[in-house]
């Protein structure tokens, strides 16, 4: 019987496995989300300028709401665009 180390795979068996999503705010202890920091807020919007959902970013509900409010405030003050073509 061959052990796992002796078996040669045609492709990497770890390709389908994904890392566990986590809330970066809880992990790094970030309590305040500044709406005047567009570089930080760009991490939470896609190329068209839409806010990314929790299932993609991994944020908790509490911080996802704070991110949404911060993005909307930044849009209102023209720090971030409402819609864009290839924003990133």
PDB file of N, CA and C in Angstrom:
ATOM      1  N   UNK A   1       0.837  -1.178   0.000  1.00  0.00           N
ATOM      2  CA  UNK A   1       0.000   0.000   0.000  1.00  0.00           C
ATOM      3  C   UNK A   1       0.885   1.245   0.000  1.00  0.00           C
ATOM      4  N   UNK A   2       0.646   2.121  -0.918  1.00  0.00           N
ATOM      5  CA  UNK A   2       1.454   3.340  -1.027  1.00  0.00           C
ATOM      6  C   UNK A   2       0.936   4.395  -0.064  1.00  0.00           C
ATOM      7  N   UNK A   3       1.861   5.116   0.542  1.00  0.00           N
ATOM      8  CA  UNK A   3       1.457   6.213   1.427  1.00  0.00           C
ATOM      9  C   UNK A   3       1.137   7.452   0.583  1.00  0.00           C
ATOM     10  N   UNK A   4       0.623   8.471   1.228  1.00  0.00           N
ATOM     11  CA  UNK A   4       0.227   9.694   0.524  1.00  0.00           C
ATOM     12  C   UNK A   4       1.436  10.388  -0.108  1.00  0.00           C
ATOM     13  N   UNK A   5       2.601  10.239   0.520  1.00  0.00           N
ATOM     14  CA  UNK A   5       3.804  10.883  -0.011  1.00  0.00           C
ATOM     15  C   UNK A   5       4.288  10.207  -1.291  1.00  0.00           C
ATOM     16  N   UNK A   6       3.960   8.924  -1.455  1.00  0.00           N
ATOM     17  CA  UNK A   6       4.395   8.195  -2.634  1.00  0.00           C
ATOM     18  C   UNK A   6       3.509   8.443  -3.848  1.00  0.00           C
ATOM     19  N   UNK A   7       2.306   8.921  -3.621  1.00  0.00           N
ATOM     20  CA  UNK A   7       1.357   9.129  -4.717  1.00  0.00           C
ATOM     21  C   UNK A   7       1.690  10.430  -5.434  1.00  0.00           C
ATOM     22  N   UNK A   8       1.766  10.376  -6.744  1.00  0.00           N
ATOM     23  CA  UNK A   8       2.018  11.568  -7.547  1.00  0.00           C
ATOM     24  C   UNK A   8       0.692  12.057  -8.123  1.00  0.00           C
ATOM     25  N   UNK A   9       0.361  13.300  -7.853  1.00  0.00           N
ATOM     26  CA  UNK A   9      -0.884  13.884  -8.335  1.00  0.00           C
ATOM     27  C   UNK A   9      -0.638  14.623  -9.640  1.00  0.00           C
ATOM     28  N   UNK A  10      -1.632  14.584 -10.521  1.00  0.00           N
ATOM     29  CA  UNK A  10      -1.524  15.352 -11.755  1.00  0.00           C
ATOM     30  C   UNK A  10      -1.699  16.837 -11.503  1.00  0.00           C
ATOM     31  N   UNK A  11      -2.503  17.174 -10.499  1.00  0.00           N
ATOM     32  CA  UNK A  11      -2.684  18.566 -10.120  1.00  0.00           C
ATOM     33  C   UNK A  11      -2.570  18.674  -8.606  1.00  0.00           C
ATOM     34  N   UNK A  12      -2.426  19.855  -8.127  1.00  0.00           N
ATOM     35  CA  UNK A  12      -2.289  20.094  -6.697  1.00  0.00           C
ATOM     36  C   UNK A  12      -3.611  19.779  -6.001  1.00  0.00           C
ATOM     37  N   UNK A  13      -3.628  18.889  -4.997  1.00  0.00           N
ATOM     38  CA  UNK A  13      -4.896  18.563  -4.334  1.00  0.00           C
ATOM     39  C   UNK A  13      -5.435  19.684  -3.451  1.00  0.00           C
ATOM     40  N   UNK A  14      -4.654  20.710  -3.196  1.00  0.00           N
ATOM     41  CA  UNK A  14      -5.095  21.819  -2.341  1.00  0.00           C
ATOM     42  C   UNK A  14      -5.705  22.967  -3.137  1.00  0.00           C
ATOM     43  N   UNK A  15      -5.925  22.787  -4.435  1.00  0.00           N
ATOM     44  CA  UNK A  15      -6.433  23.873  -5.269  1.00  0.00           C
ATOM     45  C   UNK A  15      -7.858  24.260  -4.873  1.00  0.00           C
ATOM     46  N   UNK A  16      -8.699  23.279  -4.606  1.00  0.00           N
ATOM     47  CA  UNK A  16     -10.095  23.576  -4.302  1.00  0.00           C
ATOM     48  C   UNK A  16     -10.335  24.114  -2.908  1.00  0.00           C
ATOM     49  N   UNK A  17      -9.387  23.948  -1.997  1.00  0.00           N
ATOM     50  CA  UNK A  17      -9.601  24.392  -0.625  1.00  0.00           C
ATOM     51  C   UNK A  17      -9.383  25.895  -0.519  1.00  0.00           C
ATOM     52  N   UNK A  18     -10.291  26.553   0.185  1.00  0.00           N
ATOM     53  CA  UNK A  18     -10.200  27.994   0.374  1.00  0.00           C
ATOM     54  C   UNK A  18      -9.856  28.293   1.823  1.00  0.00           C
ATOM     55  N   UNK A  19      -9.228  29.440   2.030  1.00  0.00           N
ATOM     56  CA  UNK A  19      -8.918  29.838   3.391  1.00  0.00           C
ATOM     57  C   UNK A  19     -10.175  30.341   4.087  1.00  0.00           C
ATOM     58  N   UNK A  20     -10.179  30.237   5.394  1.00  0.00           N
ATOM     59  CA  UNK A  20     -11.316  30.686   6.186  1.00  0.00           C
ATOM     60  C   UNK A  20     -11.392  32.199   6.142  1.00  0.00           C
ATOM     61  N   UNK A  21     -12.588  32.716   5.866  1.00  0.00           N
ATOM     62  CA  UNK A  21     -12.774  34.166   5.860  1.00  0.00           C
ATOM     63  C   UNK A  21     -12.812  34.664   7.300  1.00  0.00           C
ATOM     64  N   UNK A  22     -12.357  35.892   7.490  1.00  0.00           N
ATOM     65  CA  UNK A  22     -12.338  36.467   8.830  1.00  0.00           C
ATOM     66  C   UNK A  22     -12.649  37.953   8.727  1.00  0.00           C
ATOM     67  N   UNK A  23     -13.101  38.492   9.824  1.00  0.00           N
ATOM     68  CA  UNK A  23     -13.363  39.932   9.891  1.00  0.00           C
ATOM     69  C   UNK A  23     -12.046  40.631  10.232  1.00  0.00           C
ATOM     70  N   UNK A  24     -11.532  41.400   9.305  1.00  0.00           N
ATOM     71  CA  UNK A  24     -10.237  42.047   9.526  1.00  0.00           C
ATOM     72  C   UNK A  24     -10.310  43.108  10.616  1.00  0.00           C
ATOM     73  N   UNK A  25     -11.499  43.652  10.866  1.00  0.00           N
ATOM     74  CA  UNK A  25     -11.650  44.665  11.906  1.00  0.00           C
ATOM     75  C   UNK A  25     -11.507  44.049  13.292  1.00  0.00           C
ATOM     76  N   UNK A  26     -12.107  42.870  13.485  1.00  0.00           N
ATOM     77  CA  UNK A  26     -11.962  42.185  14.764  1.00  0.00           C
ATOM     78  C   UNK A  26     -10.553  41.646  14.953  1.00  0.00           C
ATOM     79  N   UNK A  27      -9.954  41.151  13.884  1.00  0.00           N
ATOM     80  CA  UNK A  27      -8.625  40.548  13.987  1.00  0.00           C
ATOM     81  C   UNK A  27      -7.562  41.580  14.336  1.00  0.00           C
ATOM     82  N   UNK A  28      -7.614  42.755  13.706  1.00  0.00           N
ATOM     83  CA  UNK A  28      -6.604  43.774  13.936  1.00  0.00           C
ATOM     84  C   UNK A  28      -7.031  44.842  14.941  1.00  0.00           C
ATOM     85  N   UNK A  29      -8.230  44.729  15.497  1.00  0.00           N
ATOM     86  CA  UNK A  29      -8.677  45.660  16.524  1.00  0.00           C
ATOM     87  C   UNK A  29      -9.028  47.039  15.996  1.00  0.00           C
ATOM     88  N   UNK A  30      -9.496  47.132  14.768  1.00  0.00           N
ATOM     89  CA  UNK A  30      -9.884  48.422  14.194  1.00  0.00           C
ATOM     90  C   UNK A  30     -11.303  48.740  14.673  1.00  0.00           C
ATOM     91  N   UNK A  31     -11.471  49.866  15.337  1.00  0.00           N
ATOM     92  CA  UNK A  31     -12.795  50.216  15.866  1.00  0.00           C
ATOM     93  C   UNK A  31     -13.461  51.340  15.084  1.00  0.00           C
ATOM     94  N   UNK A  32     -12.657  52.212  14.502  1.00  0.00           N
ATOM     95  CA  UNK A  32     -13.209  53.358  13.789  1.00  0.00           C
ATOM     96  C   UNK A  32     -12.867  53.251  12.311  1.00  0.00           C
ATOM     97  N   UNK A  33     -13.875  53.434  11.465  1.00  0.00           N
ATOM     98  CA  UNK A  33     -13.670  53.422  10.020  1.00  0.00           C
ATOM     99  C   UNK A  33     -13.777  54.861   9.541  1.00  0.00           C
ATOM    100  N   UNK A  34     -12.691  55.392   9.021  1.00  0.00           N
ATOM    101  CA  UNK A  34     -12.643  56.795   8.621  1.00  0.00           C
ATOM    102  C   UNK A  34     -13.137  56.934   7.178  1.00  0.00           C
ATOM    103  N   UNK A  35     -14.167  57.726   6.984  1.00  0.00           N
ATOM    104  CA  UNK A  35     -14.721  57.930   5.641  1.00  0.00           C
ATOM    105  C   UNK A  35     -13.830  58.830   4.790  1.00  0.00           C
ATOM    106  N   UNK A  36     -12.833  59.480   5.385  1.00  0.00           N
ATOM    107  CA  UNK A  36     -11.944  60.374   4.637  1.00  0.00           C
ATOM    108  C   UNK A  36     -10.712  59.657   4.094  1.00  0.00           C
ATOM    109  N   UNK A  37     -10.647  58.337   4.279  1.00  0.00           N
ATOM    110  CA  UNK A  37      -9.506  57.548   3.806  1.00  0.00           C
ATOM    111  C   UNK A  37      -9.930  56.715   2.593  1.00  0.00           C
ATOM    112  N   UNK A  38      -9.806  57.271   1.385  1.00  0.00           N
ATOM    113  CA  UNK A  38     -10.306  56.555   0.206  1.00  0.00           C
ATOM    114  C   UNK A  38      -9.505  55.300  -0.130  1.00  0.00           C
ATOM    115  N   UNK A  39      -8.211  55.259   0.199  1.00  0.00           N
ATOM    116  CA  UNK A  39      -7.406  54.077  -0.107  1.00  0.00           C
ATOM    117  C   UNK A  39      -7.885  52.864   0.687  1.00  0.00           C
ATOM    118  N   UNK A  40      -8.276  53.077   1.925  1.00  0.00           N
ATOM    119  CA  UNK A  40      -8.791  51.981   2.746  1.00  0.00           C
ATOM    120  C   UNK A  40     -10.175  51.549   2.267  1.00  0.00           C
ATOM    121  N   UNK A  41     -11.012  52.501   1.903  1.00  0.00           N
ATOM    122  CA  UNK A  41     -12.368  52.173   1.466  1.00  0.00           C
ATOM    123  C   UNK A  41     -12.398  51.508   0.090  1.00  0.00           C
ATOM    124  N   UNK A  42     -11.364  51.695  -0.709  1.00  0.00           N
ATOM    125  CA  UNK A  42     -11.307  51.048  -2.025  1.00  0.00           C
ATOM    126  C   UNK A  42     -11.232  49.526  -1.915  1.00  0.00           C
ATOM    127  N   UNK A  43     -10.816  49.017  -0.765  1.00  0.00           N
ATOM    128  CA  UNK A  43     -10.760  47.574  -0.569  1.00  0.00           C
ATOM    129  C   UNK A  43     -12.154  46.959  -0.502  1.00  0.00           C
ATOM    130  N   UNK A  44     -13.166  47.771  -0.232  1.00  0.00           N
ATOM    131  CA  UNK A  44     -14.514  47.265  -0.012  1.00  0.00           C
ATOM    132  C   UNK A  44     -15.469  47.597  -1.151  1.00  0.00           C
ATOM    133  N   UNK A  45     -14.948  48.139  -2.243  1.00  0.00           N
ATOM    134  CA  UNK A  45     -15.795  48.385  -3.405  1.00  0.00           C
ATOM    135  C   UNK A  45     -15.155  47.731  -4.627  1.00  0.00           C
ATOM    136  N   UNK A  46     -15.982  47.351  -5.603  1.00  0.00           N
ATOM    137  CA  UNK A  46     -15.454  46.683  -6.791  1.00  0.00           C
ATOM    138  C   UNK A  46     -15.123  47.697  -7.876  1.00  0.00           C
ATOM    139  N   UNK A  47     -14.838  47.217  -9.080  1.00  0.00           N
ATOM    140  CA  UNK A  47     -14.387  48.084 -10.168  1.00  0.00           C
ATOM    141  C   UNK A  47     -15.462  49.066 -10.616  1.00  0.00           C
ATOM    142  N   UNK A  48     -16.729  48.678 -10.461  1.00  0.00           N
ATOM    143  CA  UNK A  48     -17.813  49.569 -10.864  1.00  0.00           C
ATOM    144  C   UNK A  48     -18.180  50.564  -9.768  1.00  0.00           C
ATOM    145  N   UNK A  49     -17.597  50.422  -8.586  1.00  0.00           N
ATOM    146  CA  UNK A  49     -17.890  51.329  -7.487  1.00  0.00           C
ATOM    147  C   UNK A  49     -18.948  50.809  -6.541  1.00  0.00           C
ATOM    148  N   UNK A  50     -19.381  49.555  -6.699  1.00  0.00           N
ATOM    149  CA  UNK A  50     -20.393  48.978  -5.818  1.00  0.00           C
ATOM    150  C   UNK A  50     -19.737  48.451  -4.548  1.00  0.00           C
ATOM    151  N   UNK A  51     -20.484  48.495  -3.442  1.00  0.00           N
ATOM    152  CA  UNK A  51     -19.986  47.981  -2.176  1.00  0.00           C
ATOM    153  C   UNK A  51     -20.023  46.460  -2.215  1.00  0.00           C
ATOM    154  N   UNK A  52     -18.896  45.837  -1.859  1.00  0.00           N
ATOM    155  CA  UNK A  52     -18.823  44.381  -1.864  1.00  0.00           C
ATOM    156  C   UNK A  52     -19.610  43.794  -0.692  1.00  0.00           C
ATOM    157  N   UNK A  53     -20.295  42.675  -0.891  1.00  0.00           N
ATOM    158  CA  UNK A  53     -21.091  42.081   0.188  1.00  0.00           C
ATOM    159  C   UNK A  53     -20.221  41.367   1.231  1.00  0.00           C
ATOM    160  N   UNK A  54     -20.846  41.044   2.352  1.00  0.00           N
ATOM    161  CA  UNK A  54     -20.154  40.385   3.452  1.00  0.00           C
ATOM    162  C   UNK A  54     -19.617  39.022   3.067  1.00  0.00           C
ATOM    163  N   UNK A  55     -20.338  38.319   2.233  1.00  0.00           N
ATOM    164  CA  UNK A  55     -19.909  36.955   1.891  1.00  0.00           C
ATOM    165  C   UNK A  55     -18.610  36.961   1.094  1.00  0.00           C
ATOM    166  N   UNK A  56     -18.269  38.080   0.487  1.00  0.00           N
ATOM    167  CA  UNK A  56     -17.008  38.195  -0.254  1.00  0.00           C
ATOM    168  C   UNK A  56     -15.904  38.787   0.632  1.00  0.00           C
ATOM    169  N   UNK A  57     -16.212  39.844   1.374  1.00  0.00           N
ATOM    170  CA  UNK A  57     -15.189  40.495   2.190  1.00  0.00           C
ATOM    171  C   UNK A  57     -14.908  39.751   3.481  1.00  0.00           C
ATOM    172  N   UNK A  58     -15.908  39.062   4.032  1.00  0.00           N
ATOM    173  CA  UNK A  58     -15.719  38.346   5.289  1.00  0.00           C
ATOM    174  C   UNK A  58     -15.935  39.207   6.517  1.00  0.00           C
ATOM    175  N   UNK A  59     -16.427  40.424   6.346  1.00  0.00           N
ATOM    176  CA  UNK A  59     -16.661  41.303   7.487  1.00  0.00           C
ATOM    177  C   UNK A  59     -17.834  40.811   8.315  1.00  0.00           C
ATOM    178  N   UNK A  60     -17.825  41.170   9.597  1.00  0.00           N
ATOM    179  CA  UNK A  60     -18.984  40.882  10.438  1.00  0.00           C
ATOM    180  C   UNK A  60     -20.073  41.904  10.133  1.00  0.00           C
ATOM    181  N   UNK A  61     -21.279  41.614  10.581  1.00  0.00           N
ATOM    182  CA  UNK A  61     -22.421  42.480  10.280  1.00  0.00           C
ATOM    183  C   UNK A  61     -22.208  43.891  10.819  1.00  0.00           C
ATOM    184  N   UNK A  62     -21.706  43.989  12.030  1.00  0.00           N
ATOM    185  CA  UNK A  62     -21.479  45.292  12.665  1.00  0.00           C
ATOM    186  C   UNK A  62     -20.546  46.173  11.832  1.00  0.00           C
ATOM    187  N   UNK A  63     -19.444  45.605  11.390  1.00  0.00           N
ATOM    188  CA  UNK A  63     -18.462  46.394  10.656  1.00  0.00           C
ATOM    189  C   UNK A  63     -18.841  46.569   9.196  1.00  0.00           C
ATOM    190  N   UNK A  64     -19.614  45.647   8.640  1.00  0.00           N
ATOM    191  CA  UNK A  64     -20.078  45.834   7.266  1.00  0.00           C
ATOM    192  C   UNK A  64     -21.016  47.036   7.173  1.00  0.00           C
ATOM    193  N   UNK A  65     -21.850  47.214   8.195  1.00  0.00           N
ATOM    194  CA  UNK A  65     -22.727  48.387   8.222  1.00  0.00           C
ATOM    195  C   UNK A  65     -21.917  49.669   8.343  1.00  0.00           C
ATOM    196  N   UNK A  66     -20.858  49.641   9.176  1.00  0.00           N
ATOM    197  CA  UNK A  66     -20.007  50.821   9.320  1.00  0.00           C
ATOM    198  C   UNK A  66     -19.257  51.130   8.021  1.00  0.00           C
ATOM    199  N   UNK A  67     -18.831  50.098   7.315  1.00  0.00           N
ATOM    200  CA  UNK A  67     -18.154  50.291   6.033  1.00  0.00           C
ATOM    201  C   UNK A  67     -19.120  50.909   5.027  1.00  0.00           C
ATOM    202  N   UNK A  68     -20.359  50.406   5.002  1.00  0.00           N
ATOM    203  CA  UNK A  68     -21.347  50.935   4.059  1.00  0.00           C
ATOM    204  C   UNK A  68     -21.634  52.402   4.327  1.00  0.00           C
ATOM    205  N   UNK A  69     -21.760  52.774   5.593  1.00  0.00           N
ATOM    206  CA  UNK A  69     -22.012  54.171   5.948  1.00  0.00           C
ATOM    207  C   UNK A  69     -20.819  55.040   5.555  1.00  0.00           C
ATOM    208  N   UNK A  70     -19.604  54.543   5.792  1.00  0.00           N
ATOM    209  CA  UNK A  70     -18.397  55.310   5.458  1.00  0.00           C
ATOM    210  C   UNK A  70     -18.268  55.500   3.948  1.00  0.00           C
ATOM    211  N   UNK A  71     -18.585  54.459   3.166  1.00  0.00           N
ATOM    212  CA  UNK A  71     -18.514  54.579   1.709  1.00  0.00           C
ATOM    213  C   UNK A  71     -19.556  55.572   1.213  1.00  0.00           C
ATOM    214  N   UNK A  72     -20.751  55.525   1.776  1.00  0.00           N
ATOM    215  CA  UNK A  72     -21.804  56.449   1.353  1.00  0.00           C
ATOM    216  C   UNK A  72     -21.470  57.895   1.712  1.00  0.00           C
ATOM    217  N   UNK A  73     -20.854  58.101   2.866  1.00  0.00           N
ATOM    218  CA  UNK A  73     -20.428  59.458   3.239  1.00  0.00           C
ATOM    219  C   UNK A  73     -19.324  59.962   2.312  1.00  0.00           C
ATOM    220  N   UNK A  74     -18.397  59.075   1.983  1.00  0.00           N
ATOM    221  CA  UNK A  74     -17.302  59.463   1.082  1.00  0.00           C
ATOM    222  C   UNK A  74     -17.836  59.768  -0.315  1.00  0.00           C
ATOM    223  N   UNK A  75     -18.836  59.040  -0.757  1.00  0.00           N
ATOM    224  CA  UNK A  75     -19.459  59.328  -2.054  1.00  0.00           C
ATOM    225  C   UNK A  75     -20.151  60.687  -2.019  1.00  0.00           C
ATOM    226  N   UNK A  76     -20.839  60.974  -0.924  1.00  0.00           N
ATOM    227  CA  UNK A  76     -21.568  62.237  -0.806  1.00  0.00           C
ATOM    228  C   UNK A  76     -20.613  63.435  -0.840  1.00  0.00           C
ATOM    229  N   UNK A  77     -19.432  63.270  -0.282  1.00  0.00           N
ATOM    230  CA  UNK A  77     -18.441  64.348  -0.262  1.00  0.00           C
ATOM    231  C   UNK A  77     -17.516  64.312  -1.470  1.00  0.00           C
ATOM    232  N   UNK A  78     -17.801  63.456  -2.443  1.00  0.00           N
ATOM    233  CA  UNK A  78     -17.040  63.328  -3.697  1.00  0.00           C
ATOM    234  C   UNK A  78     -15.616  62.839  -3.460  1.00  0.00           C
ATOM    235  N   UNK A  79     -15.401  62.083  -2.397  1.00  0.00           N
ATOM    236  CA  UNK A  79     -14.106  61.446  -2.183  1.00  0.00           C
ATOM    237  C   UNK A  79     -14.034  60.155  -2.995  1.00  0.00           C
ATOM    238  N   UNK A  80     -15.170  59.447  -3.066  1.00  0.00           N
ATOM    239  CA  UNK A  80     -15.302  58.247  -3.893  1.00  0.00           C
ATOM    240  C   UNK A  80     -16.386  58.493  -4.938  1.00  0.00           C
ATOM    241  N   UNK A  81     -16.257  57.900  -6.116  1.00  0.00           N
ATOM    242  CA  UNK A  81     -17.309  58.073  -7.127  1.00  0.00           C
ATOM    243  C   UNK A  81     -18.502  57.151  -6.851  1.00  0.00           C
ATOM    244  N   UNK A  82     -19.672  57.567  -7.308  1.00  0.00           N
ATOM    245  CA  UNK A  82     -20.863  56.711  -7.199  1.00  0.00           C
ATOM    246  C   UNK A  82     -20.746  55.543  -8.182  1.00  0.00           C
ATOM    247  N   UNK A  83     -20.420  55.825  -9.415  1.00  0.00           N
ATOM    248  CA  UNK A  83     -20.196  54.789 -10.437  1.00  0.00           C
ATOM    249  C   UNK A  83     -18.888  55.095 -11.146  1.00  0.00           C
ATOM    250  N   UNK A  84     -18.225  54.046 -11.617  1.00  0.00           N
ATOM    251  CA  UNK A  84     -16.945  54.246 -12.283  1.00  0.00           C
ATOM    252  C   UNK A  84     -16.706  53.107 -13.271  1.00  0.00           C
ATOM    253  N   UNK A  85     -15.869  53.351 -14.237  1.00  0.00           N
ATOM    254  CA  UNK A  85     -15.408  52.328 -15.161  1.00  0.00           C
ATOM    255  C   UNK A  85     -13.967  52.004 -14.805  1.00  0.00           C
ATOM    256  N   UNK A  86     -13.725  50.776 -14.404  1.00  0.00           N
ATOM    257  CA  UNK A  86     -12.389  50.311 -14.037  1.00  0.00           C
ATOM    258  C   UNK A  86     -11.750  51.218 -12.987  1.00  0.00           C
ATOM    259  N   UNK A  87     -12.375  51.247 -11.822  1.00  0.00           N
ATOM    260  CA  UNK A  87     -11.933  52.097 -10.726  1.00  0.00           C
ATOM    261  C   UNK A  87     -10.564  51.679 -10.191  1.00  0.00           C
ATOM    262  N   UNK A  88     -10.329  50.383 -10.102  1.00  0.00           N
ATOM    263  CA  UNK A  88      -9.075  49.906  -9.520  1.00  0.00           C
ATOM    264  C   UNK A  88      -8.033  49.671 -10.576  1.00  0.00           C
TER     265      UNK A  88
END
